[in-house]
Amino acid sequence: MRKKDFVLLVYNILNKEYPDAKCSLKTENTLQLLISTELSAQCKDDRVNEVTEKLYKRYKTAFDFAEADLCELEDYIKTLGLYKNKAKNIKYGCKKLCELFGGEVPGTMEQLLEIDGVGRKTANLILGEAFNVPSIVVDTHASRLSQRMGLSKNTDPFKIEMDLKKIVPPEIQTKFCHQLVLHGRKYCNARKPNCDECPVRDICPKKLK
């Protein structure tokens, strides 16, 4: 079976299991989505949502974040992992937004990668969610499931992204990646995957015993 056909089979199964799959970060605009995504590194989304509820009341624009006192900004996010580095990336990333893009989040991969703290994973999420650009977000779940399902033999996130772009139809790329995240959390986790109850078990080429 061609990988493109297999992906569609997987998508149809996941679409029944997670019909409303979407980003679980609570944001009201593209800037908040960018910052929340950066904060979510090595941290659960629900914890990020708790922190940003207060954060976004204090800082409303890229200019606010760019002019923020770094110690104060750290205090707002100190319960999240790597908070010192995240605070610096947010402050100086927003400075870059103000200098290069008038405080607005840009809509191309090349422009997004110019911002401090933004890598391809964050950029692809922004493009897919905020600009409706077909994009593949390769987080730990997408990476793990892609290998287990035989969608990619690579371990490098960029190579996995390129592999998936070739076989996942553009119109479902964003939703498919959200479904992989949900499926990775519910069934196909890293340490002890629940293959017996997994809805993809009958077609998964790497079902773990």
N, C-alpha and C. Protein backbone atom coordinates (compact mmCIF):
# COMPACT_ATOMS: atom_id res chain seq x y z
N MET A 1 0.84 -1.19 0.00
CA MET A 1 0.00 0.00 0.00
C MET A 1 0.88 1.25 0.00
N ARG A 2 0.52 2.23 -0.81
CA ARG A 2 1.27 3.48 -0.84
C ARG A 2 1.09 4.22 0.50
N LYS A 3 2.14 4.93 0.89
CA LYS A 3 2.07 5.67 2.15
C LYS A 3 0.95 6.71 2.13
N LYS A 4 0.71 7.30 0.97
CA LYS A 4 -0.37 8.29 0.88
C LYS A 4 -1.72 7.66 1.17
N ASP A 5 -1.92 6.45 0.70
CA ASP A 5 -3.18 5.75 0.96
C ASP A 5 -3.28 5.32 2.42
N PHE A 6 -2.15 4.90 2.96
CA PHE A 6 -2.12 4.49 4.37
C PHE A 6 -2.43 5.67 5.28
N VAL A 7 -1.86 6.83 4.97
CA VAL A 7 -2.11 8.03 5.78
C VAL A 7 -3.60 8.36 5.81
N LEU A 8 -4.26 8.22 4.69
CA LEU A 8 -5.69 8.50 4.64
C LEU A 8 -6.49 7.52 5.49
N LEU A 9 -6.06 6.26 5.50
CA LEU A 9 -6.71 5.28 6.37
C LEU A 9 -6.56 5.67 7.84
N VAL A 10 -5.33 6.04 8.20
CA VAL A 10 -5.06 6.45 9.58
C VAL A 10 -5.88 7.70 9.91
N TYR A 11 -5.89 8.66 9.02
CA TYR A 11 -6.63 9.91 9.25
C TYR A 11 -8.11 9.63 9.46
N ASN A 12 -8.70 8.77 8.65
CA ASN A 12 -10.12 8.46 8.79
C ASN A 12 -10.43 7.83 10.14
N ILE A 13 -9.51 7.00 10.62
CA ILE A 13 -9.70 6.39 11.95
C ILE A 13 -9.57 7.45 13.04
N LEU A 14 -8.52 8.26 12.94
CA LEU A 14 -8.30 9.29 13.95
C LEU A 14 -9.39 10.35 13.91
N ASN A 15 -9.95 10.57 12.73
CA ASN A 15 -10.99 11.59 12.60
C ASN A 15 -12.27 11.16 13.32
N LYS A 16 -12.50 9.87 13.42
CA LYS A 16 -13.64 9.36 14.18
C LYS A 16 -13.36 9.45 15.68
N GLU A 17 -12.10 9.20 16.03
CA GLU A 17 -11.71 9.22 17.45
C GLU A 17 -11.58 10.65 17.98
N TYR A 18 -11.05 11.54 17.13
CA TYR A 18 -10.81 12.93 17.55
C TYR A 18 -11.35 13.90 16.48
N PRO A 19 -12.66 13.96 16.31
CA PRO A 19 -13.24 14.78 15.23
C PRO A 19 -13.01 16.28 15.41
N ASP A 20 -12.82 16.70 16.64
CA ASP A 20 -12.67 18.13 16.92
C ASP A 20 -11.25 18.49 17.34
N ALA A 21 -10.28 17.71 16.88
CA ALA A 21 -8.89 17.94 17.25
C ALA A 21 -8.45 19.35 16.88
N LYS A 22 -7.88 20.04 17.85
CA LYS A 22 -7.39 21.40 17.62
C LYS A 22 -6.35 21.74 18.68
N CYS A 23 -5.73 22.88 18.51
CA CYS A 23 -4.73 23.33 19.47
C CYS A 23 -5.40 23.56 20.82
N SER A 24 -4.81 23.04 21.88
CA SER A 24 -5.41 23.15 23.21
C SER A 24 -4.94 24.37 23.99
N LEU A 25 -4.08 25.17 23.39
CA LEU A 25 -3.65 26.42 24.03
C LEU A 25 -4.76 27.46 23.90
N LYS A 26 -5.09 28.13 25.00
CA LYS A 26 -6.15 29.13 24.98
C LYS A 26 -5.56 30.51 24.66
N THR A 27 -5.88 31.00 23.48
CA THR A 27 -5.36 32.29 23.04
C THR A 27 -6.44 33.06 22.29
N GLU A 28 -6.26 34.38 22.23
CA GLU A 28 -7.24 35.23 21.58
C GLU A 28 -6.70 35.89 20.32
N ASN A 29 -5.40 35.82 20.09
CA ASN A 29 -4.83 36.42 18.89
C ASN A 29 -3.52 35.72 18.54
N THR A 30 -2.93 36.12 17.43
CA THR A 30 -1.74 35.43 16.93
C THR A 30 -0.53 35.64 17.83
N LEU A 31 -0.41 36.83 18.41
CA LEU A 31 0.71 37.08 19.33
C LEU A 31 0.62 36.15 20.54
N GLN A 32 -0.56 36.03 21.11
CA GLN A 32 -0.73 35.13 22.25
C GLN A 32 -0.43 33.69 21.85
N LEU A 33 -0.84 33.30 20.67
CA LEU A 33 -0.56 31.94 20.20
C LEU A 33 0.94 31.71 20.10
N LEU A 34 1.65 32.68 19.58
CA LEU A 34 3.11 32.58 19.46
C LEU A 34 3.76 32.42 20.82
N ILE A 35 3.37 33.25 21.76
CA ILE A 35 3.98 33.22 23.10
C ILE A 35 3.58 31.95 23.85
N SER A 36 2.33 31.58 23.77
CA SER A 36 1.89 30.35 24.46
C SER A 36 2.60 29.12 23.91
N THR A 37 2.82 29.11 22.62
CA THR A 37 3.52 27.97 22.00
C THR A 37 4.95 27.90 22.51
N GLU A 38 5.61 29.04 22.64
CA GLU A 38 6.96 29.05 23.18
C GLU A 38 6.97 28.58 24.63
N LEU A 39 5.97 28.99 25.39
CA LEU A 39 5.89 28.60 26.80
C LEU A 39 5.58 27.11 26.97
N SER A 40 4.98 26.50 25.96
CA SER A 40 4.55 25.10 26.10
C SER A 40 5.69 24.10 25.94
N ALA A 41 6.88 24.56 25.58
CA ALA A 41 8.01 23.65 25.45
C ALA A 41 8.28 22.96 26.77
N GLN A 42 8.28 21.63 26.76
CA GLN A 42 8.50 20.79 27.95
C GLN A 42 7.54 21.15 29.07
N CYS A 43 6.32 21.48 28.70
CA CYS A 43 5.31 21.84 29.70
C CYS A 43 3.93 21.52 29.15
N LYS A 44 3.01 21.09 29.99
CA LYS A 44 1.67 20.74 29.55
C LYS A 44 0.86 21.98 29.22
N ASP A 45 0.01 21.85 28.21
CA ASP A 45 -0.77 22.99 27.73
C ASP A 45 -1.70 23.55 28.80
N ASP A 46 -2.29 22.68 29.61
CA ASP A 46 -3.23 23.19 30.61
C ASP A 46 -2.53 24.05 31.65
N ARG A 47 -1.27 23.71 31.95
CA ARG A 47 -0.49 24.53 32.89
C ARG A 47 -0.15 25.88 32.26
N VAL A 48 0.18 25.86 30.98
CA VAL A 48 0.46 27.10 30.26
C VAL A 48 -0.78 28.00 30.27
N ASN A 49 -1.94 27.41 30.06
CA ASN A 49 -3.19 28.19 30.04
C ASN A 49 -3.45 28.86 31.39
N GLU A 50 -3.09 28.19 32.46
CA GLU A 50 -3.27 28.78 33.79
C GLU A 50 -2.39 30.01 33.96
N VAL A 51 -1.15 29.90 33.49
CA VAL A 51 -0.19 30.99 33.64
C VAL A 51 -0.53 32.17 32.73
N THR A 52 -0.91 31.87 31.50
CA THR A 52 -1.14 32.95 30.55
C THR A 52 -2.43 33.73 30.81
N GLU A 53 -3.32 33.17 31.58
CA GLU A 53 -4.55 33.90 31.92
C GLU A 53 -4.21 35.22 32.60
N LYS A 54 -3.22 35.20 33.48
CA LYS A 54 -2.78 36.43 34.15
C LYS A 54 -1.77 37.19 33.29
N LEU A 55 -0.92 36.45 32.60
CA LEU A 55 0.13 37.06 31.78
C LEU A 55 -0.45 38.00 30.73
N TYR A 56 -1.51 37.57 30.06
CA TYR A 56 -2.07 38.37 28.97
C TYR A 56 -2.94 39.53 29.45
N LYS A 57 -3.24 39.56 30.73
CA LYS A 57 -3.90 40.73 31.29
C LYS A 57 -2.88 41.82 31.58
N ARG A 58 -1.65 41.40 31.86
CA ARG A 58 -0.57 42.35 32.15
C ARG A 58 0.08 42.88 30.88
N TYR A 59 0.32 42.00 29.93
CA TYR A 59 0.98 42.39 28.67
C TYR A 59 0.04 42.09 27.51
N LYS A 60 -0.32 43.13 26.77
CA LYS A 60 -1.35 42.96 25.73
C LYS A 60 -0.81 43.03 24.30
N THR A 61 0.33 43.68 24.11
CA THR A 61 0.89 43.83 22.76
C THR A 61 2.35 43.41 22.74
N ALA A 62 2.89 43.28 21.54
CA ALA A 62 4.30 42.96 21.40
C ALA A 62 5.16 44.06 22.01
N PHE A 63 4.69 45.30 21.92
CA PHE A 63 5.44 46.42 22.50
C PHE A 63 5.47 46.30 24.02
N ASP A 64 4.37 45.84 24.62
CA ASP A 64 4.34 45.63 26.08
C ASP A 64 5.38 44.60 26.50
N PHE A 65 5.43 43.50 25.78
CA PHE A 65 6.40 42.45 26.10
C PHE A 65 7.83 42.93 25.84
N ALA A 66 8.03 43.68 24.79
CA ALA A 66 9.37 44.16 24.44
C ALA A 66 9.92 45.11 25.51
N GLU A 67 9.04 45.86 26.15
CA GLU A 67 9.46 46.82 27.16
C GLU A 67 9.35 46.26 28.58
N ALA A 68 8.98 45.01 28.71
CA ALA A 68 8.77 44.41 30.03
C ALA A 68 10.07 44.31 30.82
N ASP A 69 9.93 44.49 32.12
CA ASP A 69 11.06 44.21 33.01
C ASP A 69 11.26 42.70 33.03
N LEU A 70 12.47 42.25 32.75
CA LEU A 70 12.72 40.82 32.60
C LEU A 70 12.42 40.05 33.88
N CYS A 71 12.77 40.61 35.02
CA CYS A 71 12.51 39.93 36.29
C CYS A 71 11.00 39.78 36.55
N GLU A 72 10.26 40.82 36.20
CA GLU A 72 8.81 40.75 36.38
C GLU A 72 8.20 39.71 35.45
N LEU A 73 8.69 39.70 34.21
CA LEU A 73 8.19 38.72 33.25
C LEU A 73 8.49 37.30 33.72
N GLU A 74 9.68 37.11 34.28
CA GLU A 74 10.05 35.80 34.82
C GLU A 74 9.11 35.38 35.94
N ASP A 75 8.72 36.33 36.78
CA ASP A 75 7.83 36.02 37.89
C ASP A 75 6.47 35.50 37.40
N TYR A 76 6.00 36.02 36.30
CA TYR A 76 4.72 35.59 35.76
C TYR A 76 4.76 34.15 35.25
N ILE A 77 5.92 33.71 34.78
CA ILE A 77 5.99 32.38 34.15
C ILE A 77 6.92 31.42 34.90
N LYS A 78 7.30 31.76 36.13
CA LYS A 78 8.31 30.98 36.84
C LYS A 78 7.87 29.57 37.21
N THR A 79 6.58 29.30 37.16
CA THR A 79 6.13 27.93 37.47
C THR A 79 6.26 26.99 36.27
N LEU A 80 6.65 27.56 35.14
CA LEU A 80 6.84 26.75 33.93
C LEU A 80 8.32 26.40 33.77
N GLY A 81 8.61 25.29 33.15
CA GLY A 81 9.98 24.87 32.95
C GLY A 81 10.75 25.84 32.07
N LEU A 82 12.05 25.95 32.32
CA LEU A 82 12.94 26.78 31.51
C LEU A 82 12.47 28.24 31.45
N TYR A 83 11.90 28.73 32.53
CA TYR A 83 11.24 30.03 32.49
C TYR A 83 12.19 31.20 32.22
N LYS A 84 13.44 31.09 32.65
CA LYS A 84 14.38 32.20 32.40
C LYS A 84 14.67 32.35 30.91
N ASN A 85 14.95 31.24 30.25
CA ASN A 85 15.20 31.30 28.81
C ASN A 85 13.95 31.72 28.05
N LYS A 86 12.80 31.22 28.51
CA LYS A 86 11.55 31.57 27.84
C LYS A 86 11.25 33.06 27.98
N ALA A 87 11.51 33.61 29.15
CA ALA A 87 11.28 35.03 29.36
C ALA A 87 12.16 35.87 28.44
N LYS A 88 13.42 35.49 28.31
CA LYS A 88 14.33 36.22 27.42
C LYS A 88 13.87 36.12 25.97
N ASN A 89 13.48 34.92 25.55
CA ASN A 89 13.03 34.75 24.17
C ASN A 89 11.77 35.57 23.88
N ILE A 90 10.87 35.59 24.84
CA ILE A 90 9.64 36.36 24.65
C ILE A 90 9.95 37.85 24.54
N LYS A 91 10.74 38.37 25.47
CA LYS A 91 11.07 39.80 25.48
C LYS A 91 11.81 40.21 24.20
N TYR A 92 12.88 39.48 23.89
CA TYR A 92 13.69 39.88 22.74
C TYR A 92 13.06 39.46 21.42
N GLY A 93 12.24 38.41 21.47
CA GLY A 93 11.48 38.05 20.28
C GLY A 93 10.47 39.13 19.94
N CYS A 94 9.82 39.69 20.95
CA CYS A 94 8.85 40.76 20.72
C CYS A 94 9.55 42.05 20.29
N LYS A 95 10.76 42.25 20.77
CA LYS A 95 11.53 43.40 20.27
C LYS A 95 11.76 43.26 18.78
N LYS A 96 12.08 42.05 18.35
CA LYS A 96 12.30 41.79 16.93
C LYS A 96 11.00 41.99 16.16
N LEU A 97 9.89 41.56 16.73
CA LEU A 97 8.60 41.78 16.09
C LEU A 97 8.33 43.26 15.87
N CYS A 98 8.66 44.05 16.88
CA CYS A 98 8.42 45.49 16.80
C CYS A 98 9.35 46.15 15.78
N GLU A 99 10.61 45.73 15.78
CA GLU A 99 11.60 46.34 14.89
C GLU A 99 11.36 45.97 13.43
N LEU A 100 11.04 44.70 13.18
CA LEU A 100 10.95 44.22 11.81
C LEU A 100 9.53 44.21 11.24
N PHE A 101 8.54 44.00 12.11
CA PHE A 101 7.18 43.77 11.60
C PHE A 101 6.12 44.65 12.24
N GLY A 102 6.55 45.74 12.86
CA GLY A 102 5.58 46.67 13.44
C GLY A 102 4.77 46.09 14.57
N GLY A 103 5.30 45.07 15.23
CA GLY A 103 4.60 44.46 16.36
C GLY A 103 3.61 43.38 15.98
N GLU A 104 3.51 43.10 14.69
CA GLU A 104 2.59 42.07 14.21
C GLU A 104 3.33 40.77 13.91
N VAL A 105 2.70 39.66 14.16
CA VAL A 105 3.30 38.35 13.87
C VAL A 105 3.22 38.11 12.36
N PRO A 106 4.36 37.85 11.72
CA PRO A 106 4.37 37.66 10.27
C PRO A 106 3.81 36.30 9.87
N GLY A 107 3.53 36.16 8.57
CA GLY A 107 2.85 34.95 8.10
C GLY A 107 3.64 34.07 7.16
N THR A 108 4.98 34.15 7.24
CA THR A 108 5.79 33.23 6.43
C THR A 108 6.81 32.53 7.32
N MET A 109 7.23 31.35 6.90
CA MET A 109 8.22 30.60 7.65
C MET A 109 9.51 31.40 7.80
N GLU A 110 9.98 31.99 6.71
CA GLU A 110 11.24 32.73 6.73
C GLU A 110 11.21 33.88 7.74
N GLN A 111 10.12 34.61 7.76
CA GLN A 111 10.00 35.73 8.69
C GLN A 111 9.87 35.25 10.14
N LEU A 112 9.10 34.22 10.36
CA LEU A 112 8.93 33.71 11.72
C LEU A 112 10.24 33.21 12.32
N LEU A 113 11.06 32.61 11.50
CA LEU A 113 12.33 32.07 12.00
C LEU A 113 13.33 33.17 12.36
N GLU A 114 13.03 34.41 12.01
CA GLU A 114 13.88 35.53 12.40
C GLU A 114 13.65 35.95 13.85
N ILE A 115 12.59 35.44 14.45
CA ILE A 115 12.20 35.86 15.80
C ILE A 115 12.89 34.98 16.84
N ASP A 116 13.43 35.59 17.86
CA ASP A 116 14.10 34.85 18.93
C ASP A 116 13.18 33.79 19.53
N GLY A 117 13.70 32.58 19.68
CA GLY A 117 12.96 31.51 20.32
C GLY A 117 12.00 30.76 19.42
N VAL A 118 11.91 31.15 18.15
CA VAL A 118 10.97 30.49 17.23
C VAL A 118 11.72 29.52 16.32
N GLY A 119 11.35 28.24 16.41
CA GLY A 119 11.89 27.22 15.51
C GLY A 119 10.80 26.76 14.56
N ARG A 120 11.08 25.74 13.81
CA ARG A 120 10.13 25.29 12.80
C ARG A 120 8.84 24.76 13.42
N LYS A 121 8.92 24.11 14.57
CA LYS A 121 7.71 23.58 15.20
C LYS A 121 6.75 24.71 15.55
N THR A 122 7.27 25.74 16.20
CA THR A 122 6.43 26.89 16.55
C THR A 122 5.93 27.60 15.31
N ALA A 123 6.83 27.82 14.35
CA ALA A 123 6.45 28.52 13.12
C ALA A 123 5.34 27.78 12.38
N ASN A 124 5.46 26.47 12.28
CA ASN A 124 4.44 25.69 11.58
C ASN A 124 3.10 25.75 12.31
N LEU A 125 3.13 25.74 13.62
CA LEU A 125 1.88 25.85 14.37
C LEU A 125 1.21 27.20 14.10
N ILE A 126 2.00 28.26 14.10
CA ILE A 126 1.47 29.59 13.83
C ILE A 126 0.88 29.65 12.42
N LEU A 127 1.61 29.13 11.45
CA LEU A 127 1.15 29.17 10.07
C LEU A 127 -0.16 28.40 9.89
N GLY A 128 -0.23 27.23 10.51
CA GLY A 128 -1.43 26.42 10.37
C GLY A 128 -2.64 26.99 11.09
N GLU A 129 -2.43 27.44 12.32
CA GLU A 129 -3.55 27.90 13.15
C GLU A 129 -3.99 29.32 12.82
N ALA A 130 -3.03 30.20 12.62
CA ALA A 130 -3.37 31.62 12.45
C ALA A 130 -3.54 32.05 11.00
N PHE A 131 -2.84 31.36 10.09
CA PHE A 131 -2.84 31.80 8.70
C PHE A 131 -3.41 30.76 7.73
N ASN A 132 -3.86 29.64 8.28
CA ASN A 132 -4.46 28.57 7.45
C ASN A 132 -3.54 28.10 6.34
N VAL A 133 -2.26 28.10 6.63
CA VAL A 133 -1.26 27.59 5.68
C VAL A 133 -1.01 26.11 6.01
N PRO A 134 -1.14 25.21 5.05
CA PRO A 134 -0.87 23.79 5.32
C PRO A 134 0.51 23.63 5.96
N SER A 135 0.56 22.96 7.10
CA SER A 135 1.83 22.86 7.81
C SER A 135 1.87 21.60 8.66
N ILE A 136 3.07 21.10 8.85
CA ILE A 136 3.30 19.91 9.65
C ILE A 136 4.05 20.30 10.92
N VAL A 137 3.43 20.08 12.06
CA VAL A 137 4.06 20.37 13.35
C VAL A 137 4.64 19.07 13.91
N VAL A 138 5.94 19.00 14.02
CA VAL A 138 6.59 17.78 14.51
C VAL A 138 7.01 17.98 15.96
N ASP A 139 6.15 17.55 16.86
CA ASP A 139 6.51 17.53 18.28
C ASP A 139 6.91 16.10 18.64
N THR A 140 7.06 15.82 19.92
CA THR A 140 7.50 14.48 20.33
C THR A 140 6.47 13.42 19.95
N HIS A 141 5.18 13.77 19.99
CA HIS A 141 4.14 12.80 19.64
C HIS A 141 4.17 12.49 18.15
N ALA A 142 4.20 13.53 17.33
CA ALA A 142 4.22 13.33 15.88
C ALA A 142 5.47 12.55 15.45
N SER A 143 6.56 12.84 16.10
CA SER A 143 7.81 12.13 15.79
C SER A 143 7.69 10.65 16.13
N ARG A 144 7.22 10.36 17.32
CA ARG A 144 7.11 8.97 17.79
C ARG A 144 6.11 8.18 16.96
N LEU A 145 4.94 8.75 16.71
CA LEU A 145 3.91 8.03 15.97
C LEU A 145 4.28 7.85 14.50
N SER A 146 4.96 8.83 13.94
CA SER A 146 5.38 8.72 12.54
C SER A 146 6.31 7.53 12.34
N GLN A 147 7.18 7.33 13.31
CA GLN A 147 8.11 6.20 13.21
C GLN A 147 7.40 4.88 13.48
N ARG A 148 6.55 4.84 14.47
CA ARG A 148 5.85 3.59 14.80
C ARG A 148 4.90 3.15 13.71
N MET A 149 4.28 4.13 13.04
CA MET A 149 3.34 3.80 11.98
C MET A 149 4.01 3.64 10.62
N GLY A 150 5.32 3.81 10.60
CA GLY A 150 6.05 3.64 9.35
C GLY A 150 5.90 4.79 8.38
N LEU A 151 5.52 5.96 8.88
CA LEU A 151 5.36 7.12 8.01
C LEU A 151 6.70 7.78 7.72
N SER A 152 7.66 7.56 8.60
CA SER A 152 9.00 8.11 8.41
C SER A 152 10.01 7.23 9.14
N LYS A 153 11.17 7.06 8.53
CA LYS A 153 12.24 6.32 9.17
C LYS A 153 13.22 7.25 9.88
N ASN A 154 12.99 8.52 9.74
CA ASN A 154 13.92 9.51 10.29
C ASN A 154 13.60 9.85 11.74
N THR A 155 14.62 10.37 12.43
CA THR A 155 14.44 10.84 13.80
C THR A 155 14.60 12.35 13.89
N ASP A 156 15.22 12.95 12.90
CA ASP A 156 15.39 14.40 12.86
C ASP A 156 14.04 15.06 12.55
N PRO A 157 13.60 16.02 13.38
CA PRO A 157 12.28 16.64 13.17
C PRO A 157 12.10 17.25 11.78
N PHE A 158 13.13 17.90 11.26
CA PHE A 158 12.99 18.51 9.94
C PHE A 158 12.77 17.45 8.86
N LYS A 159 13.50 16.35 8.95
CA LYS A 159 13.34 15.28 7.96
C LYS A 159 11.98 14.61 8.09
N ILE A 160 11.49 14.47 9.32
CA ILE A 160 10.14 13.91 9.52
C ILE A 160 9.11 14.85 8.91
N GLU A 161 9.28 16.14 9.14
CA GLU A 161 8.37 17.13 8.56
C GLU A 161 8.32 17.00 7.04
N MET A 162 9.48 16.88 6.41
CA MET A 162 9.53 16.77 4.96
C MET A 162 8.90 15.45 4.47
N ASP A 163 9.12 14.38 5.24
CA ASP A 163 8.51 13.09 4.88
C ASP A 163 6.99 13.17 4.93
N LEU A 164 6.47 13.79 5.98
CA LEU A 164 5.01 13.88 6.13
C LEU A 164 4.39 14.81 5.10
N LYS A 165 5.10 15.86 4.75
CA LYS A 165 4.58 16.78 3.74
C LYS A 165 4.34 16.07 2.40
N LYS A 166 5.13 15.05 2.15
CA LYS A 166 5.01 14.33 0.88
C LYS A 166 3.80 13.41 0.84
N ILE A 167 3.32 12.99 2.00
CA ILE A 167 2.27 11.97 2.02
C ILE A 167 0.96 12.40 2.67
N VAL A 168 0.98 13.50 3.43
CA VAL A 168 -0.25 13.99 4.08
C VAL A 168 -0.84 15.10 3.21
N PRO A 169 -2.07 14.94 2.74
CA PRO A 169 -2.69 15.97 1.90
C PRO A 169 -2.69 17.33 2.60
N PRO A 170 -2.40 18.40 1.88
CA PRO A 170 -2.32 19.74 2.48
C PRO A 170 -3.55 20.13 3.29
N GLU A 171 -4.72 19.76 2.82
CA GLU A 171 -5.95 20.20 3.47
C GLU A 171 -6.18 19.56 4.84
N ILE A 172 -5.44 18.50 5.17
CA ILE A 172 -5.63 17.87 6.48
C ILE A 172 -4.38 17.93 7.35
N GLN A 173 -3.32 18.55 6.87
CA GLN A 173 -2.05 18.53 7.59
C GLN A 173 -2.16 19.08 9.01
N THR A 174 -2.77 20.24 9.16
CA THR A 174 -2.85 20.86 10.48
C THR A 174 -3.65 20.00 11.45
N LYS A 175 -4.82 19.55 11.02
CA LYS A 175 -5.68 18.74 11.89
C LYS A 175 -5.05 17.38 12.18
N PHE A 176 -4.40 16.79 11.19
CA PHE A 176 -3.76 15.49 11.37
C PHE A 176 -2.70 15.55 12.46
N CYS A 177 -1.94 16.63 12.49
CA CYS A 177 -0.90 16.77 13.51
C CYS A 177 -1.50 16.91 14.91
N HIS A 178 -2.62 17.62 15.01
CA HIS A 178 -3.31 17.71 16.31
C HIS A 178 -3.83 16.33 16.73
N GLN A 179 -4.29 15.56 15.76
CA GLN A 179 -4.78 14.22 16.07
C GLN A 179 -3.65 13.31 16.56
N LEU A 180 -2.48 13.45 15.98
CA LEU A 180 -1.34 12.66 16.43
C LEU A 180 -0.99 12.98 17.88
N VAL A 181 -1.08 14.25 18.24
CA VAL A 181 -0.81 14.64 19.62
C VAL A 181 -1.81 13.97 20.57
N LEU A 182 -3.09 14.07 20.25
CA LEU A 182 -4.12 13.47 21.10
C LEU A 182 -3.98 11.96 21.17
N HIS A 183 -3.66 11.34 20.04
CA HIS A 183 -3.51 9.89 20.01
C HIS A 183 -2.28 9.45 20.79
N GLY A 184 -1.22 10.25 20.71
CA GLY A 184 -0.01 9.94 21.46
C GLY A 184 -0.24 10.01 22.96
N ARG A 185 -1.08 10.94 23.37
CA ARG A 185 -1.39 11.08 24.79
C ARG A 185 -2.31 9.97 25.29
N LYS A 186 -3.28 9.61 24.46
CA LYS A 186 -4.31 8.67 24.90
C LYS A 186 -3.89 7.20 24.78
N TYR A 187 -3.25 6.85 23.67
CA TYR A 187 -2.92 5.44 23.42
C TYR A 187 -1.43 5.19 23.19
N CYS A 188 -0.84 5.94 22.28
CA CYS A 188 0.50 5.61 21.81
C CYS A 188 1.57 6.41 22.54
N ASN A 189 1.57 6.29 23.88
CA ASN A 189 2.55 7.05 24.65
C ASN A 189 3.93 6.42 24.56
N ALA A 190 4.91 7.13 25.04
CA ALA A 190 6.30 6.72 24.84
C ALA A 190 6.66 5.46 25.63
N ARG A 191 6.26 5.36 26.86
CA ARG A 191 6.73 4.28 27.72
C ARG A 191 5.90 3.00 27.63
N LYS A 192 4.58 3.15 27.61
CA LYS A 192 3.73 1.96 27.62
C LYS A 192 2.52 2.18 26.73
N PRO A 193 2.69 2.03 25.42
CA PRO A 193 1.56 2.23 24.51
C PRO A 193 0.47 1.19 24.72
N ASN A 194 -0.77 1.64 24.65
CA ASN A 194 -1.91 0.75 24.84
C ASN A 194 -2.39 0.24 23.48
N CYS A 195 -1.63 -0.69 22.92
CA CYS A 195 -1.94 -1.19 21.58
C CYS A 195 -3.24 -2.00 21.55
N ASP A 196 -3.59 -2.66 22.63
CA ASP A 196 -4.78 -3.51 22.65
C ASP A 196 -6.06 -2.72 22.43
N GLU A 197 -6.09 -1.48 22.89
CA GLU A 197 -7.29 -0.66 22.75
C GLU A 197 -7.15 0.41 21.67
N CYS A 198 -6.00 0.48 21.05
CA CYS A 198 -5.75 1.50 20.04
C CYS A 198 -6.62 1.28 18.80
N PRO A 199 -7.34 2.29 18.33
CA PRO A 199 -8.20 2.11 17.16
C PRO A 199 -7.43 1.92 15.86
N VAL A 200 -6.13 2.17 15.88
CA VAL A 200 -5.31 2.01 14.67
C VAL A 200 -4.62 0.64 14.66
N ARG A 201 -4.86 -0.17 15.69
CA ARG A 201 -4.09 -1.40 15.89
C ARG A 201 -4.14 -2.36 14.69
N ASP A 202 -5.26 -2.41 14.02
CA ASP A 202 -5.42 -3.41 12.95
C ASP A 202 -4.60 -3.08 11.69
N ILE A 203 -4.19 -1.84 11.55
CA ILE A 203 -3.41 -1.48 10.36
C ILE A 203 -2.01 -0.99 10.69
N CYS A 204 -1.71 -0.83 11.98
CA CYS A 204 -0.39 -0.31 12.38
C CYS A 204 0.69 -1.34 12.07
N PRO A 205 1.69 -0.99 11.26
CA PRO A 205 2.72 -1.95 10.89
C PRO A 205 3.72 -2.24 12.01
N LYS A 206 3.69 -1.41 13.04
CA LYS A 206 4.65 -1.59 14.12
C LYS A 206 3.95 -1.72 15.45
N LYS A 207 2.88 -2.46 15.46
CA LYS A 207 2.17 -2.69 16.70
C LYS A 207 3.11 -3.34 17.71
N LEU A 208 3.19 -2.74 18.88
CA LEU A 208 4.11 -3.23 19.91
C LEU A 208 3.42 -4.30 20.74
N LYS A 209 4.14 -5.37 20.94
CA LYS A 209 3.57 -6.47 21.72
C LYS A 209 3.76 -6.25 23.21
